[in-house]
Amino acid sequence: MTLGAGCPRCASPVTDKGGTWRCLDHGPITPLWRPGTADYTAFAEHISLAGTMPTLLPWPMPPVWSITDFGCVAAPEREARATVITCAGPSELDGVVEISVVTEEPGVGLGARCAGVSHTDPGAEIGDGPPDAKVRIDGHPISLWAVMTSDTDVTFDRSVFAGEALGRWLWVVLRPASAALLLKDEWILMDIADLGPALIDLPYGGSPPAW
């Protein structure tokens, strides 16, 4: 396997003892599997590991953009608990933009790690008032609300949105923060497992996210 194991909630070292994974800071965990380098071989492993857990990619990807990172929280012979995918590329207004999309079961904490927020699941602002943005999955509109990052983000380098889709939490993290304006176009998020032959042509490369 070309995917390496880590903690879904932090960057601390993890250990495997007889199939039981532990994080130095969070104790027993279901590991997050990420590639050292994003490429098609590692992506095929990711798809197999994710199973029925969708990996939602903005589709179609803008021209000249590429997939820089992806990951899956899963244990052998069990259903995956979360996925993440990151793509990046140039934009006319914001320069290079990085977008991460996380789908996860409650309590996993992967979305919070990507977003750089202290609480494991989205906060009370989710569902409070009209949505701040919408995306579409399988033709259905999904409402998203802005997640406050001011308690952990002193540089204001990102915008974070979250909502509920397919019975799971959905997080969208954009860097720089001004890239949030891209969501006004109501993106389509596509499960990569549904792309078929288009999977072969997906571009990879660029720097993975810092989290």
C-alpha atoms as a PDB file:
ATOM      1  CA  MET A   1       0.000   0.000   0.000  1.00  0.00           C
ATOM      2  CA  THR A   2       1.285   3.445  -0.911  1.00  0.00           C
ATOM      3  CA  LEU A   3      -0.991   5.217   1.605  1.00  0.00           C
ATOM      4  CA  GLY A   4       0.410   6.130   5.009  1.00  0.00           C
ATOM      5  CA  ALA A   5      -1.547   6.060   8.288  1.00  0.00           C
ATOM      6  CA  GLY A   6      -2.072   9.044  10.566  1.00  0.00           C
ATOM      7  CA  CYS A   7      -4.521  10.522  13.040  1.00  0.00           C
ATOM      8  CA  PRO A   8      -7.639  12.114  11.501  1.00  0.00           C
ATOM      9  CA  ARG A   9      -7.667  14.809  14.191  1.00  0.00           C
ATOM     10  CA  CYS A  10      -4.012  15.910  14.394  1.00  0.00           C
ATOM     11  CA  ALA A  11      -0.493  15.434  13.050  1.00  0.00           C
ATOM     12  CA  SER A  12       0.816  13.495  16.069  1.00  0.00           C
ATOM     13  CA  PRO A  13       2.517  10.090  15.528  1.00  0.00           C
ATOM     14  CA  VAL A  14       0.354   6.962  15.470  1.00  0.00           C
ATOM     15  CA  THR A  15       1.170   3.334  16.272  1.00  0.00           C
ATOM     16  CA  ASP A  16      -0.361   0.023  15.229  1.00  0.00           C
ATOM     17  CA  LYS A  17      -0.476  -2.843  17.708  1.00  0.00           C
ATOM     18  CA  GLY A  18      -2.275  -5.854  16.315  1.00  0.00           C
ATOM     19  CA  GLY A  19      -4.627  -3.769  14.221  1.00  0.00           C
ATOM     20  CA  THR A  20      -5.415  -1.316  17.030  1.00  0.00           C
ATOM     21  CA  TRP A  21      -4.263   2.152  16.085  1.00  0.00           C
ATOM     22  CA  ARG A  22      -3.413   4.767  18.685  1.00  0.00           C
ATOM     23  CA  CYS A  23      -2.596   8.448  18.430  1.00  0.00           C
ATOM     24  CA  LEU A  24      -0.093   9.908  20.872  1.00  0.00           C
ATOM     25  CA  ASP A  25      -2.588  12.666  21.747  1.00  0.00           C
ATOM     26  CA  HIS A  26      -6.026  11.139  21.049  1.00  0.00           C
ATOM     27  CA  GLY A  27      -5.652   7.509  22.081  1.00  0.00           C
ATOM     28  CA  PRO A  28      -7.431   4.784  20.060  1.00  0.00           C
ATOM     29  CA  ILE A  29      -8.366   6.000  16.580  1.00  0.00           C
ATOM     30  CA  THR A  30      -9.545   4.887  13.180  1.00  0.00           C
ATOM     31  CA  PRO A  31      -6.535   5.848  11.027  1.00  0.00           C
ATOM     32  CA  LEU A  32      -6.480   8.406   8.235  1.00  0.00           C
ATOM     33  CA  TRP A  33      -4.808   7.023   5.111  1.00  0.00           C
ATOM     34  CA  ARG A  34      -3.067   9.623   2.883  1.00  0.00           C
ATOM     35  CA  PRO A  35      -0.525   9.339   0.061  1.00  0.00           C
ATOM     36  CA  GLY A  36       3.027  10.600   0.247  1.00  0.00           C
ATOM     37  CA  THR A  37       2.510  11.858  -3.294  1.00  0.00           C
ATOM     38  CA  ALA A  38      -0.876  12.215  -4.977  1.00  0.00           C
ATOM     39  CA  ASP A  39      -0.973  10.039  -8.102  1.00  0.00           C
ATOM     40  CA  TYR A  40      -3.294   7.649  -9.903  1.00  0.00           C
ATOM     41  CA  THR A  41      -1.961   4.497  -8.187  1.00  0.00           C
ATOM     42  CA  ALA A  42      -2.555   5.910  -4.708  1.00  0.00           C
ATOM     43  CA  PHE A  43      -5.938   7.250  -5.827  1.00  0.00           C
ATOM     44  CA  ALA A  44      -7.034   3.776  -6.925  1.00  0.00           C
ATOM     45  CA  GLU A  45      -6.122   2.493  -3.455  1.00  0.00           C
ATOM     46  CA  HIS A  46      -8.103   5.342  -1.930  1.00  0.00           C
ATOM     47  CA  ILE A  47     -11.213   4.454  -3.937  1.00  0.00           C
ATOM     48  CA  SER A  48     -11.003   0.830  -2.823  1.00  0.00           C
ATOM     49  CA  LEU A  49     -10.514   1.837   0.822  1.00  0.00           C
ATOM     50  CA  ALA A  50     -13.361   4.376   0.781  1.00  0.00           C
ATOM     51  CA  GLY A  51     -15.936   1.829  -0.431  1.00  0.00           C
ATOM     52  CA  THR A  52     -19.387   3.385  -0.254  1.00  0.00           C
ATOM     53  CA  MET A  53     -18.177   6.560   1.504  1.00  0.00           C
ATOM     54  CA  PRO A  54     -18.258   9.267  -1.196  1.00  0.00           C
ATOM     55  CA  THR A  55     -15.220  11.354  -2.053  1.00  0.00           C
ATOM     56  CA  LEU A  56     -16.759  14.578  -3.331  1.00  0.00           C
ATOM     57  CA  LEU A  57     -14.793  16.564  -5.890  1.00  0.00           C
ATOM     58  CA  PRO A  58     -15.867  19.899  -7.438  1.00  0.00           C
ATOM     59  CA  TRP A  59     -16.846  18.930 -10.980  1.00  0.00           C
ATOM     60  CA  PRO A  60     -15.880  19.743 -13.569  1.00  0.00           C
ATOM     61  CA  MET A  61     -12.526  20.830 -12.211  1.00  0.00           C
ATOM     62  CA  PRO A  62     -11.409  24.217 -13.538  1.00  0.00           C
ATOM     63  CA  PRO A  63      -8.790  24.131 -16.314  1.00  0.00           C
ATOM     64  CA  VAL A  64      -5.169  23.711 -15.152  1.00  0.00           C
ATOM     65  CA  TRP A  65      -6.265  22.647 -11.659  1.00  0.00           C
ATOM     66  CA  SER A  66      -4.960  19.428 -10.105  1.00  0.00           C
ATOM     67  CA  ILE A  67      -5.592  17.090  -7.189  1.00  0.00           C
ATOM     68  CA  THR A  68      -2.946  17.704  -4.535  1.00  0.00           C
ATOM     69  CA  ASP A  69      -4.088  15.386  -1.734  1.00  0.00           C
ATOM     70  CA  PHE A  70      -6.766  12.934  -0.623  1.00  0.00           C
ATOM     71  CA  GLY A  71      -7.436  10.681   2.342  1.00  0.00           C
ATOM     72  CA  CYS A  72      -9.773   8.154   3.892  1.00  0.00           C
ATOM     73  CA  VAL A  73     -10.501   7.337   7.534  1.00  0.00           C
ATOM     74  CA  ALA A  74     -11.018   3.585   7.613  1.00  0.00           C
ATOM     75  CA  ALA A  75     -10.141   0.340   9.374  1.00  0.00           C
ATOM     76  CA  PRO A  76      -9.716  -3.057   7.662  1.00  0.00           C
ATOM     77  CA  GLU A  77     -12.989  -4.844   6.901  1.00  0.00           C
ATOM     78  CA  ARG A  78     -15.065  -1.920   8.182  1.00  0.00           C
ATOM     79  CA  GLU A  79     -16.987   0.844   6.472  1.00  0.00           C
ATOM     80  CA  ALA A  80     -14.981   4.034   5.955  1.00  0.00           C
ATOM     81  CA  ARG A  81     -15.848   6.879   8.300  1.00  0.00           C
ATOM     82  CA  ALA A  82     -14.613   9.901   6.346  1.00  0.00           C
ATOM     83  CA  THR A  83     -12.955  11.071   3.146  1.00  0.00           C
ATOM     84  CA  VAL A  84     -11.179  14.237   2.063  1.00  0.00           C
ATOM     85  CA  ILE A  85      -9.917  15.492  -1.267  1.00  0.00           C
ATOM     86  CA  THR A  86      -7.989  18.674  -2.033  1.00  0.00           C
ATOM     87  CA  CYS A  87      -7.556  20.355  -5.389  1.00  0.00           C
ATOM     88  CA  ALA A  88      -5.791  23.585  -6.253  1.00  0.00           C
ATOM     89  CA  GLY A  89      -5.152  25.878  -9.174  1.00  0.00           C
ATOM     90  CA  PRO A  90      -5.121  29.440 -10.447  1.00  0.00           C
ATOM     91  CA  SER A  91      -8.067  31.802 -10.286  1.00  0.00           C
ATOM     92  CA  GLU A  92      -8.541  35.181 -11.894  1.00  0.00           C
ATOM     93  CA  LEU A  93      -9.238  37.096  -8.679  1.00  0.00           C
ATOM     94  CA  ASP A  94      -7.444  35.209  -5.900  1.00  0.00           C
ATOM     95  CA  GLY A  95      -4.314  33.750  -7.459  1.00  0.00           C
ATOM     96  CA  VAL A  96      -3.738  30.131  -6.473  1.00  0.00           C
ATOM     97  CA  VAL A  97      -6.779  28.715  -4.663  1.00  0.00           C
ATOM     98  CA  GLU A  98      -6.900  25.535  -2.580  1.00  0.00           C
ATOM     99  CA  ILE A  99     -10.180  23.730  -1.928  1.00  0.00           C
ATOM    100  CA  SER A 100     -10.678  20.785   0.440  1.00  0.00           C
ATOM    101  CA  VAL A 101     -13.946  18.862   0.679  1.00  0.00           C
ATOM    102  CA  VAL A 102     -14.567  16.529   3.634  1.00  0.00           C
ATOM    103  CA  THR A 103     -17.402  14.035   4.074  1.00  0.00           C
ATOM    104  CA  GLU A 104     -17.510  12.404   7.497  1.00  0.00           C
ATOM    105  CA  GLU A 105     -19.520  10.646  10.142  1.00  0.00           C
ATOM    106  CA  PRO A 106     -20.136  12.655  13.349  1.00  0.00           C
ATOM    107  CA  GLY A 107     -17.260  12.665  15.816  1.00  0.00           C
ATOM    108  CA  VAL A 108     -14.438  11.838  13.388  1.00  0.00           C
ATOM    109  CA  GLY A 109     -12.820  15.273  13.502  1.00  0.00           C
ATOM    110  CA  LEU A 110     -11.203  15.231  10.058  1.00  0.00           C
ATOM    111  CA  GLY A 111     -13.215  18.212   8.841  1.00  0.00           C
ATOM    112  CA  ALA A 112     -12.261  20.187  11.926  1.00  0.00           C
ATOM    113  CA  ARG A 113      -8.589  19.385  11.352  1.00  0.00           C
ATOM    114  CA  CYS A 114      -8.750  20.535   7.729  1.00  0.00           C
ATOM    115  CA  ALA A 115     -10.647  23.645   8.772  1.00  0.00           C
ATOM    116  CA  GLY A 116      -8.317  24.394  11.666  1.00  0.00           C
ATOM    117  CA  VAL A 117     -11.105  24.748  14.231  1.00  0.00           C
ATOM    118  CA  SER A 118     -11.128  23.489  17.802  1.00  0.00           C
ATOM    119  CA  HIS A 119     -14.499  21.690  17.917  1.00  0.00           C
ATOM    120  CA  THR A 120     -14.798  18.200  16.398  1.00  0.00           C
ATOM    121  CA  ASP A 121     -18.097  18.733  14.556  1.00  0.00           C
ATOM    122  CA  PRO A 122     -19.545  21.918  13.027  1.00  0.00           C
ATOM    123  CA  GLY A 123     -20.900  24.324  15.632  1.00  0.00           C
ATOM    124  CA  ALA A 124     -24.324  25.644  16.476  1.00  0.00           C
ATOM    125  CA  GLU A 125     -24.264  28.063  13.531  1.00  0.00           C
ATOM    126  CA  ILE A 126     -25.116  25.174  11.194  1.00  0.00           C
ATOM    127  CA  GLY A 127     -28.798  25.533  10.318  1.00  0.00           C
ATOM    128  CA  ASP A 128     -29.106  28.889  12.063  1.00  0.00           C
ATOM    129  CA  GLY A 129     -30.729  31.285   9.627  1.00  0.00           C
ATOM    130  CA  PRO A 130     -30.528  31.183   5.832  1.00  0.00           C
ATOM    131  CA  PRO A 131     -27.550  29.307   4.347  1.00  0.00           C
ATOM    132  CA  ASP A 132     -24.454  31.246   3.311  1.00  0.00           C
ATOM    133  CA  ALA A 133     -23.820  29.047   0.268  1.00  0.00           C
ATOM    134  CA  LYS A 134     -25.175  26.039  -1.585  1.00  0.00           C
ATOM    135  CA  VAL A 135     -23.676  23.177  -3.572  1.00  0.00           C
ATOM    136  CA  ARG A 136     -25.340  20.430  -5.573  1.00  0.00           C
ATOM    137  CA  ILE A 137     -24.878  16.682  -5.096  1.00  0.00           C
ATOM    138  CA  ASP A 138     -26.733  14.285  -7.404  1.00  0.00           C
ATOM    139  CA  GLY A 139     -28.834  17.245  -8.543  1.00  0.00           C
ATOM    140  CA  HIS A 140     -29.962  18.114  -5.006  1.00  0.00           C
ATOM    141  CA  PRO A 141     -29.148  21.504  -3.431  1.00  0.00           C
ATOM    142  CA  ILE A 142     -27.158  21.224  -0.202  1.00  0.00           C
ATOM    143  CA  SER A 143     -27.147  24.188   2.180  1.00  0.00           C
ATOM    144  CA  LEU A 144     -23.895  25.306   3.789  1.00  0.00           C
ATOM    145  CA  TRP A 145     -23.264  27.748   6.615  1.00  0.00           C
ATOM    146  CA  ALA A 146     -20.112  29.680   7.411  1.00  0.00           C
ATOM    147  CA  VAL A 147     -18.067  28.228  10.273  1.00  0.00           C
ATOM    148  CA  MET A 148     -16.327  30.794  12.455  1.00  0.00           C
ATOM    149  CA  THR A 149     -12.546  30.371  12.642  1.00  0.00           C
ATOM    150  CA  SER A 150     -11.644  33.534  14.542  1.00  0.00           C
ATOM    151  CA  ASP A 151     -10.738  31.657  17.746  1.00  0.00           C
ATOM    152  CA  THR A 152      -7.958  29.701  15.989  1.00  0.00           C
ATOM    153  CA  ASP A 153      -7.215  31.657  12.794  1.00  0.00           C
ATOM    154  CA  VAL A 154      -5.201  34.782  13.557  1.00  0.00           C
ATOM    155  CA  THR A 155      -4.253  35.257   9.910  1.00  0.00           C
ATOM    156  CA  PHE A 156      -7.765  34.817   8.457  1.00  0.00           C
ATOM    157  CA  ASP A 157      -6.259  32.750   5.639  1.00  0.00           C
ATOM    158  CA  ARG A 158      -9.303  30.551   4.971  1.00  0.00           C
ATOM    159  CA  SER A 159     -13.065  30.373   4.681  1.00  0.00           C
ATOM    160  CA  VAL A 160     -14.934  27.355   6.044  1.00  0.00           C
ATOM    161  CA  PHE A 161     -18.456  26.194   5.264  1.00  0.00           C
ATOM    162  CA  ALA A 162     -20.298  23.152   6.580  1.00  0.00           C
ATOM    163  CA  GLY A 163     -23.663  21.459   6.317  1.00  0.00           C
ATOM    164  CA  GLU A 164     -25.249  18.025   6.136  1.00  0.00           C
ATOM    165  CA  ALA A 165     -25.353  15.846   3.034  1.00  0.00           C
ATOM    166  CA  LEU A 166     -26.231  12.181   2.596  1.00  0.00           C
ATOM    167  CA  GLY A 167     -26.647  11.848   6.368  1.00  0.00           C
ATOM    168  CA  ARG A 168     -23.080  12.994   7.050  1.00  0.00           C
ATOM    169  CA  TRP A 169     -21.230  16.225   7.742  1.00  0.00           C
ATOM    170  CA  LEU A 170     -19.959  18.067   4.691  1.00  0.00           C
ATOM    171  CA  TRP A 171     -17.115  20.580   5.049  1.00  0.00           C
ATOM    172  CA  VAL A 172     -15.717  22.892   2.368  1.00  0.00           C
ATOM    173  CA  VAL A 173     -12.469  24.691   3.222  1.00  0.00           C
ATOM    174  CA  LEU A 174     -11.114  27.372   0.877  1.00  0.00           C
ATOM    175  CA  ARG A 175      -7.784  29.180   0.937  1.00  0.00           C
ATOM    176  CA  PRO A 176      -7.368  32.141   0.704  1.00  0.00           C
ATOM    177  CA  ALA A 177     -10.432  33.348   2.585  1.00  0.00           C
ATOM    178  CA  SER A 178     -11.494  35.560  -0.311  1.00  0.00           C
ATOM    179  CA  ALA A 179     -11.984  32.430  -2.447  1.00  0.00           C
ATOM    180  CA  ALA A 180     -15.312  31.978  -0.654  1.00  0.00           C
ATOM    181  CA  LEU A 181     -16.794  34.085  -3.441  1.00  0.00           C
ATOM    182  CA  LEU A 182     -16.307  31.113  -5.765  1.00  0.00           C
ATOM    183  CA  LEU A 183     -19.216  29.396  -4.010  1.00  0.00           C
ATOM    184  CA  LYS A 184     -21.681  31.932  -5.373  1.00  0.00           C
ATOM    185  CA  ASP A 185     -21.835  29.812  -8.538  1.00  0.00           C
ATOM    186  CA  GLU A 186     -23.388  26.852  -6.638  1.00  0.00           C
ATOM    187  CA  TRP A 187     -20.806  24.212  -7.403  1.00  0.00           C
ATOM    188  CA  ILE A 188     -21.549  20.641  -8.348  1.00  0.00           C
ATOM    189  CA  LEU A 189     -19.833  18.059  -6.130  1.00  0.00           C
ATOM    190  CA  MET A 190     -19.379  14.678  -7.778  1.00  0.00           C
ATOM    191  CA  ASP A 191     -18.508  11.396  -6.081  1.00  0.00           C
ATOM    192  CA  ILE A 192     -15.286  10.314  -7.777  1.00  0.00           C
ATOM    193  CA  ALA A 193     -16.554   6.732  -7.864  1.00  0.00           C
ATOM    194  CA  ASP A 194     -19.186   7.914 -10.362  1.00  0.00           C
ATOM    195  CA  LEU A 195     -16.731   9.528 -12.781  1.00  0.00           C
ATOM    196  CA  GLY A 196     -16.056   6.323 -14.709  1.00  0.00           C
ATOM    197  CA  PRO A 197     -13.422   6.658 -17.478  1.00  0.00           C
ATOM    198  CA  ALA A 198     -12.837  10.311 -16.556  1.00  0.00           C
ATOM    199  CA  LEU A 199     -10.901   9.060 -13.500  1.00  0.00           C
ATOM    200  CA  ILE A 200      -7.982   8.111 -15.720  1.00  0.00           C
ATOM    201  CA  ASP A 201      -7.544  11.689 -16.909  1.00  0.00           C
ATOM    202  CA  LEU A 202      -7.639  13.406 -13.508  1.00  0.00           C
ATOM    203  CA  PRO A 203      -4.530  15.597 -13.063  1.00  0.00           C
ATOM    204  CA  TYR A 204      -2.335  15.266  -9.980  1.00  0.00           C
ATOM    205  CA  GLY A 205       0.437  17.421  -8.590  1.00  0.00           C
ATOM    206  CA  GLY A 206       1.216  20.506  -6.583  1.00  0.00           C
ATOM    207  CA  SER A 207       1.806  21.011  -2.885  1.00  0.00           C
ATOM    208  CA  PRO A 208      -0.465  19.161  -0.430  1.00  0.00           C
ATOM    209  CA  PRO A 209      -2.334  21.201   2.204  1.00  0.00           C
ATOM    210  CA  ALA A 210      -0.419  22.213   5.323  1.00  0.00           C
ATOM    211  CA  TRP A 211      -2.754  20.514   7.787  1.00  0.00           C
END
